[in-house]
Amino acid sequence: MRIHKDMKIEDVLRNFPQTIPVFQRFGIDCAGCQLSEYENLEHGAKVHRIDLETLLRGLNESVPEA
């Protein structure tokens, strides 16, 4: 399963814990954030002023292909 822009941040963190360092590298500390349950990756990237495609590439590179 590929990580995509419409996924909730909490779902990514729960299903792919190996992405936590990627979020941290981009300065996104969503592990304890209550908004991660509702915020999708596209919105999170926009709020944190991060290029969405760069974030998605980093997240997907951290997850082995199934």
C-alpha atoms as a PDB file:
ATOM      1  CA  MET A   1       0.000   0.000   0.000  1.00  0.00           C
ATOM      2  CA  ARG A   2       1.362   3.377  -0.975  1.00  0.00           C
ATOM      3  CA  ILE A   3       1.043   6.384   1.269  1.00  0.00           C
ATOM      4  CA  HIS A   4      -1.013   9.096  -0.429  1.00  0.00           C
ATOM      5  CA  LYS A   5      -2.033  12.698   0.238  1.00  0.00           C
ATOM      6  CA  ASP A   6      -5.539  11.888   1.464  1.00  0.00           C
ATOM      7  CA  MET A   7      -4.396   9.575   4.273  1.00  0.00           C
ATOM      8  CA  LYS A   8      -4.851  10.804   7.831  1.00  0.00           C
ATOM      9  CA  ILE A   9      -1.530  11.449   9.559  1.00  0.00           C
ATOM     10  CA  GLU A  10      -2.570   9.270  12.504  1.00  0.00           C
ATOM     11  CA  ASP A  11      -3.291   6.346  10.153  1.00  0.00           C
ATOM     12  CA  VAL A  12       0.151   6.675   8.582  1.00  0.00           C
ATOM     13  CA  LEU A  13       1.820   6.761  12.005  1.00  0.00           C
ATOM     14  CA  ARG A  14      -0.175   3.792  13.297  1.00  0.00           C
ATOM     15  CA  ASN A  15       0.188   1.599  10.199  1.00  0.00           C
ATOM     16  CA  PHE A  16       3.741   2.625   9.316  1.00  0.00           C
ATOM     17  CA  PRO A  17       5.650   3.519  12.513  1.00  0.00           C
ATOM     18  CA  GLN A  18       8.871   3.557  10.490  1.00  0.00           C
ATOM     19  CA  THR A  19       7.654   6.894   9.057  1.00  0.00           C
ATOM     20  CA  ILE A  20       8.066   8.687  12.401  1.00  0.00           C
ATOM     21  CA  PRO A  21      11.686   9.717  11.667  1.00  0.00           C
ATOM     22  CA  VAL A  22      10.567  11.060   8.282  1.00  0.00           C
ATOM     23  CA  PHE A  23       7.950  13.280   9.912  1.00  0.00           C
ATOM     24  CA  GLN A  24      10.572  14.415  12.437  1.00  0.00           C
ATOM     25  CA  ARG A  25      13.075  15.178   9.672  1.00  0.00           C
ATOM     26  CA  PHE A  26      10.512  17.537   8.150  1.00  0.00           C
ATOM     27  CA  GLY A  27       9.835  19.152  11.534  1.00  0.00           C
ATOM     28  CA  ILE A  28       6.411  17.575  11.940  1.00  0.00           C
ATOM     29  CA  ASP A  29       5.900  16.205  15.451  1.00  0.00           C
ATOM     30  CA  CYS A  30       2.519  14.564  14.945  1.00  0.00           C
ATOM     31  CA  ALA A  31       2.984  11.578  17.227  1.00  0.00           C
ATOM     32  CA  GLY A  32       1.398  13.413  20.150  1.00  0.00           C
ATOM     33  CA  CYS A  33      -0.761  15.862  18.240  1.00  0.00           C
ATOM     34  CA  GLN A  34      -4.516  15.464  18.611  1.00  0.00           C
ATOM     35  CA  LEU A  35      -5.087  16.953  15.155  1.00  0.00           C
ATOM     36  CA  SER A  36      -3.271  14.051  13.482  1.00  0.00           C
ATOM     37  CA  GLU A  37      -6.467  12.024  13.877  1.00  0.00           C
ATOM     38  CA  TYR A  38      -8.300  14.426  11.559  1.00  0.00           C
ATOM     39  CA  GLU A  39      -5.579  16.023   9.434  1.00  0.00           C
ATOM     40  CA  ASN A  40      -4.579  14.430   6.148  1.00  0.00           C
ATOM     41  CA  LEU A  41      -1.078  14.587   4.724  1.00  0.00           C
ATOM     42  CA  GLU A  42      -1.954  17.235   2.154  1.00  0.00           C
ATOM     43  CA  HIS A  43      -3.259  19.629   4.799  1.00  0.00           C
ATOM     44  CA  GLY A  44      -0.404  18.836   7.183  1.00  0.00           C
ATOM     45  CA  ALA A  45       2.177  19.604   4.507  1.00  0.00           C
ATOM     46  CA  LYS A  46       0.453  22.891   3.700  1.00  0.00           C
ATOM     47  CA  VAL A  47       0.238  23.963   7.355  1.00  0.00           C
ATOM     48  CA  HIS A  48       3.914  23.145   7.925  1.00  0.00           C
ATOM     49  CA  ARG A  49       4.946  24.722   4.584  1.00  0.00           C
ATOM     50  CA  ILE A  50       6.426  21.498   3.260  1.00  0.00           C
ATOM     51  CA  ASP A  51       6.366  20.417  -0.360  1.00  0.00           C
ATOM     52  CA  LEU A  52       3.764  17.640  -0.460  1.00  0.00           C
ATOM     53  CA  GLU A  53       5.505  15.568  -3.137  1.00  0.00           C
ATOM     54  CA  THR A  54       8.801  15.668  -1.226  1.00  0.00           C
ATOM     55  CA  LEU A  55       7.053  14.553   1.965  1.00  0.00           C
ATOM     56  CA  LEU A  56       5.191  11.736   0.197  1.00  0.00           C
ATOM     57  CA  ARG A  57       8.397  10.545  -1.463  1.00  0.00           C
ATOM     58  CA  GLY A  58      10.189  10.430   1.901  1.00  0.00           C
ATOM     59  CA  LEU A  59       7.321   8.601   3.584  1.00  0.00           C
ATOM     60  CA  ASN A  60       6.952   6.044   0.801  1.00  0.00           C
ATOM     61  CA  GLU A  61      10.705   5.429   0.657  1.00  0.00           C
ATOM     62  CA  SER A  62      10.612   4.496   4.347  1.00  0.00           C
ATOM     63  CA  VAL A  63       7.956   1.822   3.767  1.00  0.00           C
ATOM     64  CA  PRO A  64       8.966  -1.424   2.059  1.00  0.00           C
ATOM     65  CA  GLU A  65       6.885  -2.467  -0.930  1.00  0.00           C
ATOM     66  CA  ALA A  66       4.222  -5.031  -0.102  1.00  0.00           C
END
